[in-house]
Amino acid sequence: MQEVGGSIPPGSTTFSFPPPFFPLMKQAAKLVLILSIAVTAVGLVVGLGGMLFDFGDFAFKFLMLVPFGFLFTFASLTVWVLLGGD
């Protein structure tokens, strides 16, 4: 049997963990988490307050922000936890 030439050099298979962009992704996930919680809270307070004081269309627009706030909250929380959140 003849040995196969052109094997992969051992230095080319080393991986650095975590990759250099992890801290930036963690900071972005934290920022989106804070902003989405704020959007959810403002949407609930202004939307429900508007419904209470009979501002129908105005209140409905703010209540429509709440599902998007929840969506971005859970997405950013998932990313932050998967990256080893602090």
PDB file of N, CA and C in Angstrom:
ATOM      1  N   MET A   1       0.831  -1.184   0.000  1.00  0.00           N
ATOM      2  CA  MET A   1       0.000   0.000   0.000  1.00  0.00           C
ATOM      3  C   MET A   1       0.874   1.246   0.000  1.00  0.00           C
ATOM      4  N   GLN A   2       0.460   2.188  -0.819  1.00  0.00           N
ATOM      5  CA  GLN A   2       1.200   3.434  -0.904  1.00  0.00           C
ATOM      6  C   GLN A   2       0.470   4.495  -0.086  1.00  0.00           C
ATOM      7  N   GLU A   3       1.236   5.314   0.591  1.00  0.00           N
ATOM      8  CA  GLU A   3       0.647   6.366   1.424  1.00  0.00           C
ATOM      9  C   GLU A   3       0.128   7.497   0.543  1.00  0.00           C
ATOM     10  N   VAL A   4      -1.007   8.060   0.915  1.00  0.00           N
ATOM     11  CA  VAL A   4      -1.624   9.123   0.136  1.00  0.00           C
ATOM     12  C   VAL A   4      -0.898  10.420   0.426  1.00  0.00           C
ATOM     13  N   GLY A   5      -0.488  11.123  -0.618  1.00  0.00           N
ATOM     14  CA  GLY A   5       0.198  12.397  -0.436  1.00  0.00           C
ATOM     15  C   GLY A   5      -0.787  13.551  -0.349  1.00  0.00           C
ATOM     16  N   GLY A   6      -0.295  14.661   0.108  1.00  0.00           N
ATOM     17  CA  GLY A   6      -1.128  15.849   0.175  1.00  0.00           C
ATOM     18  C   GLY A   6      -2.084  15.855   1.351  1.00  0.00           C
ATOM     19  N   SER A   7      -1.657  15.333   2.479  1.00  0.00           N
ATOM     20  CA  SER A   7      -2.552  15.317   3.630  1.00  0.00           C
ATOM     21  C   SER A   7      -2.685  16.731   4.219  1.00  0.00           C
ATOM     22  N   ILE A   8      -3.683  16.899   5.053  1.00  0.00           N
ATOM     23  CA  ILE A   8      -3.953  18.210   5.657  1.00  0.00           C
ATOM     24  C   ILE A   8      -2.927  18.463   6.750  1.00  0.00           C
ATOM     25  N   PRO A   9      -2.266  19.622   6.709  1.00  0.00           N
ATOM     26  CA  PRO A   9      -1.291  19.915   7.756  1.00  0.00           C
ATOM     27  C   PRO A   9      -1.986  20.091   9.107  1.00  0.00           C
ATOM     28  N   PRO A  10      -1.351  19.638  10.187  1.00  0.00           N
ATOM     29  CA  PRO A  10      -2.012  19.677  11.499  1.00  0.00           C
ATOM     30  C   PRO A  10      -2.362  21.096  11.971  1.00  0.00           C
ATOM     31  N   GLY A  11      -1.635  22.107  11.585  1.00  0.00           N
ATOM     32  CA  GLY A  11      -1.912  23.467  12.035  1.00  0.00           C
ATOM     33  C   GLY A  11      -3.159  24.078  11.418  1.00  0.00           C
ATOM     34  N   SER A  12      -3.654  23.520  10.333  1.00  0.00           N
ATOM     35  CA  SER A  12      -4.806  24.119   9.661  1.00  0.00           C
ATOM     36  C   SER A  12      -6.138  23.644  10.241  1.00  0.00           C
ATOM     37  N   THR A  13      -6.131  22.706  11.163  1.00  0.00           N
ATOM     38  CA  THR A  13      -7.373  22.186  11.717  1.00  0.00           C
ATOM     39  C   THR A  13      -7.674  22.724  13.113  1.00  0.00           C
ATOM     40  N   THR A  14      -6.931  23.714  13.563  1.00  0.00           N
ATOM     41  CA  THR A  14      -7.187  24.264  14.894  1.00  0.00           C
ATOM     42  C   THR A  14      -8.307  25.290  14.818  1.00  0.00           C
ATOM     43  N   PHE A  15      -9.186  25.247  15.789  1.00  0.00           N
ATOM     44  CA  PHE A  15     -10.293  26.171  15.859  1.00  0.00           C
ATOM     45  C   PHE A  15     -10.149  27.029  17.102  1.00  0.00           C
ATOM     46  N   SER A  16     -10.489  28.290  16.974  1.00  0.00           N
ATOM     47  CA  SER A  16     -10.489  29.151  18.155  1.00  0.00           C
ATOM     48  C   SER A  16     -11.925  29.289  18.630  1.00  0.00           C
ATOM     49  N   PHE A  17     -12.138  29.003  19.901  1.00  0.00           N
ATOM     50  CA  PHE A  17     -13.476  29.137  20.461  1.00  0.00           C
ATOM     51  C   PHE A  17     -13.389  30.020  21.678  1.00  0.00           C
ATOM     52  N   PRO A  18     -14.218  30.961  21.862  1.00  0.00           N
ATOM     53  CA  PRO A  18     -15.285  31.403  20.978  1.00  0.00           C
ATOM     54  C   PRO A  18     -14.747  32.242  19.834  1.00  0.00           C
ATOM     55  N   PRO A  19     -15.469  32.290  18.733  1.00  0.00           N
ATOM     56  CA  PRO A  19     -15.046  33.134  17.608  1.00  0.00           C
ATOM     57  C   PRO A  19     -15.005  34.605  18.014  1.00  0.00           C
ATOM     58  N   PRO A  20     -14.280  35.426  17.303  1.00  0.00           N
ATOM     59  CA  PRO A  20     -14.105  36.828  17.712  1.00  0.00           C
ATOM     60  C   PRO A  20     -15.375  37.666  17.669  1.00  0.00           C
ATOM     61  N   PHE A  21     -16.426  37.225  16.972  1.00  0.00           N
ATOM     62  CA  PHE A  21     -17.643  38.038  16.886  1.00  0.00           C
ATOM     63  C   PHE A  21     -18.639  37.724  18.002  1.00  0.00           C
ATOM     64  N   PHE A  22     -18.349  36.790  18.897  1.00  0.00           N
ATOM     65  CA  PHE A  22     -19.282  36.454  19.976  1.00  0.00           C
ATOM     66  C   PHE A  22     -19.594  37.637  20.885  1.00  0.00           C
ATOM     67  N   PRO A  23     -18.600  38.410  21.360  1.00  0.00           N
ATOM     68  CA  PRO A  23     -18.942  39.541  22.243  1.00  0.00           C
ATOM     69  C   PRO A  23     -19.864  40.551  21.569  1.00  0.00           C
ATOM     70  N   LEU A  24     -19.670  40.796  20.288  1.00  0.00           N
ATOM     71  CA  LEU A  24     -20.539  41.730  19.570  1.00  0.00           C
ATOM     72  C   LEU A  24     -21.963  41.188  19.481  1.00  0.00           C
ATOM     73  N   MET A  25     -22.108  39.889  19.240  1.00  0.00           N
ATOM     74  CA  MET A  25     -23.438  39.291  19.162  1.00  0.00           C
ATOM     75  C   MET A  25     -24.122  39.310  20.522  1.00  0.00           C
ATOM     76  N   LYS A  26     -23.358  39.099  21.596  1.00  0.00           N
ATOM     77  CA  LYS A  26     -23.941  39.161  22.940  1.00  0.00           C
ATOM     78  C   LYS A  26     -24.458  40.563  23.243  1.00  0.00           C
ATOM     79  N   GLN A  27     -23.665  41.570  22.894  1.00  0.00           N
ATOM     80  CA  GLN A  27     -24.088  42.955  23.134  1.00  0.00           C
ATOM     81  C   GLN A  27     -25.309  43.307  22.296  1.00  0.00           C
ATOM     82  N   ALA A  28     -25.351  42.850  21.067  1.00  0.00           N
ATOM     83  CA  ALA A  28     -26.506  43.120  20.205  1.00  0.00           C
ATOM     84  C   ALA A  28     -27.753  42.431  20.759  1.00  0.00           C
ATOM     85  N   ALA A  29     -27.605  41.203  21.250  1.00  0.00           N
ATOM     86  CA  ALA A  29     -28.751  40.483  21.817  1.00  0.00           C
ATOM     87  C   ALA A  29     -29.264  41.189  23.072  1.00  0.00           C
ATOM     88  N   LYS A  30     -28.353  41.698  23.908  1.00  0.00           N
ATOM     89  CA  LYS A  30     -28.770  42.435  25.105  1.00  0.00           C
ATOM     90  C   LYS A  30     -29.505  43.714  24.730  1.00  0.00           C
ATOM     91  N   LEU A  31     -28.994  44.415  23.735  1.00  0.00           N
ATOM     92  CA  LEU A  31     -29.622  45.665  23.308  1.00  0.00           C
ATOM     93  C   LEU A  31     -31.021  45.414  22.754  1.00  0.00           C
ATOM     94  N   VAL A  32     -31.155  44.403  21.905  1.00  0.00           N
ATOM     95  CA  VAL A  32     -32.467  44.081  21.338  1.00  0.00           C
ATOM     96  C   VAL A  32     -33.411  43.605  22.437  1.00  0.00           C
ATOM     97  N   LEU A  33     -32.898  42.876  23.420  1.00  0.00           N
ATOM     98  CA  LEU A  33     -33.724  42.416  24.530  1.00  0.00           C
ATOM     99  C   LEU A  33     -34.288  43.596  25.316  1.00  0.00           C
ATOM    100  N   ILE A  34     -33.453  44.558  25.629  1.00  0.00           N
ATOM    101  CA  ILE A  34     -33.900  45.728  26.391  1.00  0.00           C
ATOM    102  C   ILE A  34     -34.903  46.549  25.582  1.00  0.00           C
ATOM    103  N   LEU A  35     -34.604  46.770  24.305  1.00  0.00           N
ATOM    104  CA  LEU A  35     -35.517  47.550  23.462  1.00  0.00           C
ATOM    105  C   LEU A  35     -36.856  46.845  23.268  1.00  0.00           C
ATOM    106  N   SER A  36     -36.828  45.533  23.100  1.00  0.00           N
ATOM    107  CA  SER A  36     -38.088  44.821  22.877  1.00  0.00           C
ATOM    108  C   SER A  36     -38.931  44.760  24.142  1.00  0.00           C
ATOM    109  N   ILE A  37     -38.314  44.676  25.302  1.00  0.00           N
ATOM    110  CA  ILE A  37     -39.081  44.740  26.548  1.00  0.00           C
ATOM    111  C   ILE A  37     -39.722  46.113  26.688  1.00  0.00           C
ATOM    112  N   ALA A  38     -38.987  47.153  26.323  1.00  0.00           N
ATOM    113  CA  ALA A  38     -39.535  48.509  26.393  1.00  0.00           C
ATOM    114  C   ALA A  38     -40.695  48.680  25.410  1.00  0.00           C
ATOM    115  N   VAL A  39     -40.554  48.158  24.195  1.00  0.00           N
ATOM    116  CA  VAL A  39     -41.635  48.262  23.207  1.00  0.00           C
ATOM    117  C   VAL A  39     -42.873  47.516  23.699  1.00  0.00           C
ATOM    118  N   THR A  40     -42.683  46.340  24.293  1.00  0.00           N
ATOM    119  CA  THR A  40     -43.811  45.574  24.811  1.00  0.00           C
ATOM    120  C   THR A  40     -44.513  46.324  25.938  1.00  0.00           C
ATOM    121  N   ALA A  41     -43.728  46.872  26.860  1.00  0.00           N
ATOM    122  CA  ALA A  41     -44.317  47.585  27.996  1.00  0.00           C
ATOM    123  C   ALA A  41     -45.056  48.843  27.543  1.00  0.00           C
ATOM    124  N   VAL A  42     -44.456  49.610  26.656  1.00  0.00           N
ATOM    125  CA  VAL A  42     -45.105  50.832  26.167  1.00  0.00           C
ATOM    126  C   VAL A  42     -46.365  50.479  25.395  1.00  0.00           C
ATOM    127  N   GLY A  43     -46.309  49.456  24.571  1.00  0.00           N
ATOM    128  CA  GLY A  43     -47.487  49.035  23.814  1.00  0.00           C
ATOM    129  C   GLY A  43     -48.628  48.616  24.715  1.00  0.00           C
ATOM    130  N   LEU A  44     -48.298  47.886  25.780  1.00  0.00           N
ATOM    131  CA  LEU A  44     -49.348  47.464  26.709  1.00  0.00           C
ATOM    132  C   LEU A  44     -49.943  48.640  27.474  1.00  0.00           C
ATOM    133  N   VAL A  45     -49.092  49.487  28.028  1.00  0.00           N
ATOM    134  CA  VAL A  45     -49.579  50.587  28.852  1.00  0.00           C
ATOM    135  C   VAL A  45     -50.385  51.580  28.018  1.00  0.00           C
ATOM    136  N   VAL A  46     -49.816  52.011  26.904  1.00  0.00           N
ATOM    137  CA  VAL A  46     -50.508  53.004  26.078  1.00  0.00           C
ATOM    138  C   VAL A  46     -51.732  52.379  25.401  1.00  0.00           C
ATOM    139  N   GLY A  47     -51.613  51.142  24.940  1.00  0.00           N
ATOM    140  CA  GLY A  47     -52.733  50.491  24.274  1.00  0.00           C
ATOM    141  C   GLY A  47     -53.898  50.223  25.203  1.00  0.00           C
ATOM    142  N   LEU A  48     -53.613  49.655  26.363  1.00  0.00           N
ATOM    143  CA  LEU A  48     -54.698  49.388  27.303  1.00  0.00           C
ATOM    144  C   LEU A  48     -55.249  50.675  27.908  1.00  0.00           C
ATOM    145  N   GLY A  49     -54.373  51.649  28.139  1.00  0.00           N
ATOM    146  CA  GLY A  49     -54.849  52.950  28.620  1.00  0.00           C
ATOM    147  C   GLY A  49     -55.726  53.641  27.592  1.00  0.00           C
ATOM    148  N   GLY A  50     -55.360  53.528  26.333  1.00  0.00           N
ATOM    149  CA  GLY A  50     -56.167  54.099  25.267  1.00  0.00           C
ATOM    150  C   GLY A  50     -57.515  53.415  25.134  1.00  0.00           C
ATOM    151  N   MET A  51     -57.523  52.089  25.339  1.00  0.00           N
ATOM    152  CA  MET A  51     -58.804  51.373  25.312  1.00  0.00           C
ATOM    153  C   MET A  51     -59.681  51.800  26.482  1.00  0.00           C
ATOM    154  N   LEU A  52     -59.065  52.039  27.616  1.00  0.00           N
ATOM    155  CA  LEU A  52     -59.815  52.452  28.800  1.00  0.00           C
ATOM    156  C   LEU A  52     -60.457  53.823  28.591  1.00  0.00           C
ATOM    157  N   PHE A  53     -59.736  54.732  27.941  1.00  0.00           N
ATOM    158  CA  PHE A  53     -60.247  56.088  27.717  1.00  0.00           C
ATOM    159  C   PHE A  53     -60.877  56.260  26.334  1.00  0.00           C
ATOM    160  N   ASP A  54     -61.169  55.141  25.680  1.00  0.00           N
ATOM    161  CA  ASP A  54     -61.921  55.109  24.423  1.00  0.00           C
ATOM    162  C   ASP A  54     -61.226  55.835  23.262  1.00  0.00           C
ATOM    163  N   PHE A  55     -59.911  55.576  23.106  1.00  0.00           N
ATOM    164  CA  PHE A  55     -59.170  56.017  21.919  1.00  0.00           C
ATOM    165  C   PHE A  55     -58.972  54.780  21.043  1.00  0.00           C
ATOM    166  N   GLY A  56     -60.006  54.348  20.357  1.00  0.00           N
ATOM    167  CA  GLY A  56     -60.036  53.059  19.674  1.00  0.00           C
ATOM    168  C   GLY A  56     -58.904  52.793  18.716  1.00  0.00           C
ATOM    169  N   ASP A  57     -58.791  53.585  17.635  1.00  0.00           N
ATOM    170  CA  ASP A  57     -57.787  53.315  16.608  1.00  0.00           C
ATOM    171  C   ASP A  57     -56.373  53.573  17.118  1.00  0.00           C
ATOM    172  N   PHE A  58     -56.226  54.607  17.909  1.00  0.00           N
ATOM    173  CA  PHE A  58     -54.928  54.937  18.504  1.00  0.00           C
ATOM    174  C   PHE A  58     -54.454  53.805  19.419  1.00  0.00           C
ATOM    175  N   ALA A  59     -55.350  53.302  20.245  1.00  0.00           N
ATOM    176  CA  ALA A  59     -54.998  52.224  21.166  1.00  0.00           C
ATOM    177  C   ALA A  59     -54.679  50.931  20.414  1.00  0.00           C
ATOM    178  N   PHE A  60     -55.424  50.667  19.359  1.00  0.00           N
ATOM    179  CA  PHE A  60     -55.205  49.446  18.593  1.00  0.00           C
ATOM    180  C   PHE A  60     -53.814  49.418  17.961  1.00  0.00           C
ATOM    181  N   LYS A  61     -53.350  50.571  17.488  1.00  0.00           N
ATOM    182  CA  LYS A  61     -52.008  50.634  16.893  1.00  0.00           C
ATOM    183  C   LYS A  61     -50.930  50.301  17.911  1.00  0.00           C
ATOM    184  N   PHE A  62     -51.105  50.771  19.138  1.00  0.00           N
ATOM    185  CA  PHE A  62     -50.111  50.460  20.161  1.00  0.00           C
ATOM    186  C   PHE A  62     -50.220  49.016  20.636  1.00  0.00           C
ATOM    187  N   LEU A  63     -51.425  48.481  20.678  1.00  0.00           N
ATOM    188  CA  LEU A  63     -51.566  47.077  21.067  1.00  0.00           C
ATOM    189  C   LEU A  63     -50.962  46.144  20.026  1.00  0.00           C
ATOM    190  N   MET A  64     -50.878  46.580  18.785  1.00  0.00           N
ATOM    191  CA  MET A  64     -50.250  45.758  17.746  1.00  0.00           C
ATOM    192  C   MET A  64     -48.737  45.668  17.912  1.00  0.00           C
ATOM    193  N   LEU A  65     -48.155  46.533  18.719  1.00  0.00           N
ATOM    194  CA  LEU A  65     -46.717  46.455  18.994  1.00  0.00           C
ATOM    195  C   LEU A  65     -46.374  45.317  19.951  1.00  0.00           C
ATOM    196  N   VAL A  66     -47.330  44.908  20.757  1.00  0.00           N
ATOM    197  CA  VAL A  66     -47.065  43.916  21.801  1.00  0.00           C
ATOM    198  C   VAL A  66     -46.609  42.566  21.232  1.00  0.00           C
ATOM    199  N   PRO A  67     -47.264  41.983  20.225  1.00  0.00           N
ATOM    200  CA  PRO A  67     -46.768  40.702  19.702  1.00  0.00           C
ATOM    201  C   PRO A  67     -45.359  40.792  19.116  1.00  0.00           C
ATOM    202  N   PHE A  68     -45.064  41.903  18.453  1.00  0.00           N
ATOM    203  CA  PHE A  68     -43.708  42.070  17.916  1.00  0.00           C
ATOM    204  C   PHE A  68     -42.688  42.203  19.039  1.00  0.00           C
ATOM    205  N   GLY A  69     -43.080  42.878  20.104  1.00  0.00           N
ATOM    206  CA  GLY A  69     -42.199  42.988  21.267  1.00  0.00           C
ATOM    207  C   GLY A  69     -41.900  41.636  21.874  1.00  0.00           C
ATOM    208  N   PHE A  70     -42.952  40.797  22.024  1.00  0.00           N
ATOM    209  CA  PHE A  70     -42.732  39.451  22.552  1.00  0.00           C
ATOM    210  C   PHE A  70     -41.847  38.629  21.623  1.00  0.00           C
ATOM    211  N   LEU A  71     -42.084  38.733  20.336  1.00  0.00           N
ATOM    212  CA  LEU A  71     -41.290  37.977  19.366  1.00  0.00           C
ATOM    213  C   LEU A  71     -39.810  38.324  19.480  1.00  0.00           C
ATOM    214  N   PHE A  72     -39.503  39.609  19.479  1.00  0.00           N
ATOM    215  CA  PHE A  72     -38.102  40.023  19.568  1.00  0.00           C
ATOM    216  C   PHE A  72     -37.520  39.768  20.950  1.00  0.00           C
ATOM    217  N   THR A  73     -38.348  39.816  21.986  1.00  0.00           N
ATOM    218  CA  THR A  73     -37.861  39.505  23.339  1.00  0.00           C
ATOM    219  C   THR A  73     -37.395  38.060  23.421  1.00  0.00           C
ATOM    220  N   PHE A  74     -38.228  37.128  22.989  1.00  0.00           N
ATOM    221  CA  PHE A  74     -37.849  35.722  23.078  1.00  0.00           C
ATOM    222  C   PHE A  74     -36.725  35.359  22.115  1.00  0.00           C
ATOM    223  N   ALA A  75     -36.692  35.973  20.953  1.00  0.00           N
ATOM    224  CA  ALA A  75     -35.601  35.687  20.007  1.00  0.00           C
ATOM    225  C   ALA A  75     -34.265  36.178  20.560  1.00  0.00           C
ATOM    226  N   SER A  76     -34.233  37.394  21.087  1.00  0.00           N
ATOM    227  CA  SER A  76     -32.971  37.918  21.609  1.00  0.00           C
ATOM    228  C   SER A  76     -32.564  37.210  22.892  1.00  0.00           C
ATOM    229  N   LEU A  77     -33.533  36.810  23.716  1.00  0.00           N
ATOM    230  CA  LEU A  77     -33.217  36.051  24.923  1.00  0.00           C
ATOM    231  C   LEU A  77     -32.616  34.699  24.561  1.00  0.00           C
ATOM    232  N   THR A  78     -33.148  34.068  23.541  1.00  0.00           N
ATOM    233  CA  THR A  78     -32.604  32.776  23.086  1.00  0.00           C
ATOM    234  C   THR A  78     -31.183  32.928  22.583  1.00  0.00           C
ATOM    235  N   VAL A  79     -30.939  33.932  21.771  1.00  0.00           N
ATOM    236  CA  VAL A  79     -29.579  34.162  21.254  1.00  0.00           C
ATOM    237  C   VAL A  79     -28.617  34.454  22.395  1.00  0.00           C
ATOM    238  N   TRP A  80     -29.045  35.276  23.328  1.00  0.00           N
ATOM    239  CA  TRP A  80     -28.170  35.649  24.447  1.00  0.00           C
ATOM    240  C   TRP A  80     -27.824  34.449  25.316  1.00  0.00           C
ATOM    241  N   VAL A  81     -28.813  33.589  25.605  1.00  0.00           N
ATOM    242  CA  VAL A  81     -28.561  32.412  26.429  1.00  0.00           C
ATOM    243  C   VAL A  81     -27.676  31.395  25.682  1.00  0.00           C
ATOM    244  N   LEU A  82     -27.929  31.208  24.384  1.00  0.00           N
ATOM    245  CA  LEU A  82     -27.117  30.259  23.621  1.00  0.00           C
ATOM    246  C   LEU A  82     -25.670  30.699  23.513  1.00  0.00           C
ATOM    247  N   LEU A  83     -25.430  31.994  23.569  1.00  0.00           N
ATOM    248  CA  LEU A  83     -24.057  32.487  23.506  1.00  0.00           C
ATOM    249  C   LEU A  83     -23.410  32.560  24.887  1.00  0.00           C
ATOM    250  N   GLY A  84     -24.078  32.046  25.886  1.00  0.00           N
ATOM    251  CA  GLY A  84     -23.518  32.034  27.245  1.00  0.00           C
ATOM    252  C   GLY A  84     -23.733  33.357  27.935  1.00  0.00           C
ATOM    253  N   GLY A  85     -24.991  33.769  28.053  1.00  0.00           N
ATOM    254  CA  GLY A  85     -25.334  35.064  28.640  1.00  0.00           C
ATOM    255  C   GLY A  85     -24.773  35.267  30.038  1.00  0.00           C
ATOM    256  N   ASP A  86     -24.447  36.507  30.322  1.00  0.00           N
ATOM    257  CA  ASP A  86     -23.874  36.852  31.628  1.00  0.00           C
ATOM    258  C   ASP A  86     -24.970  37.241  32.591  1.00  0.00           C
TER     259      ASP A  86
END
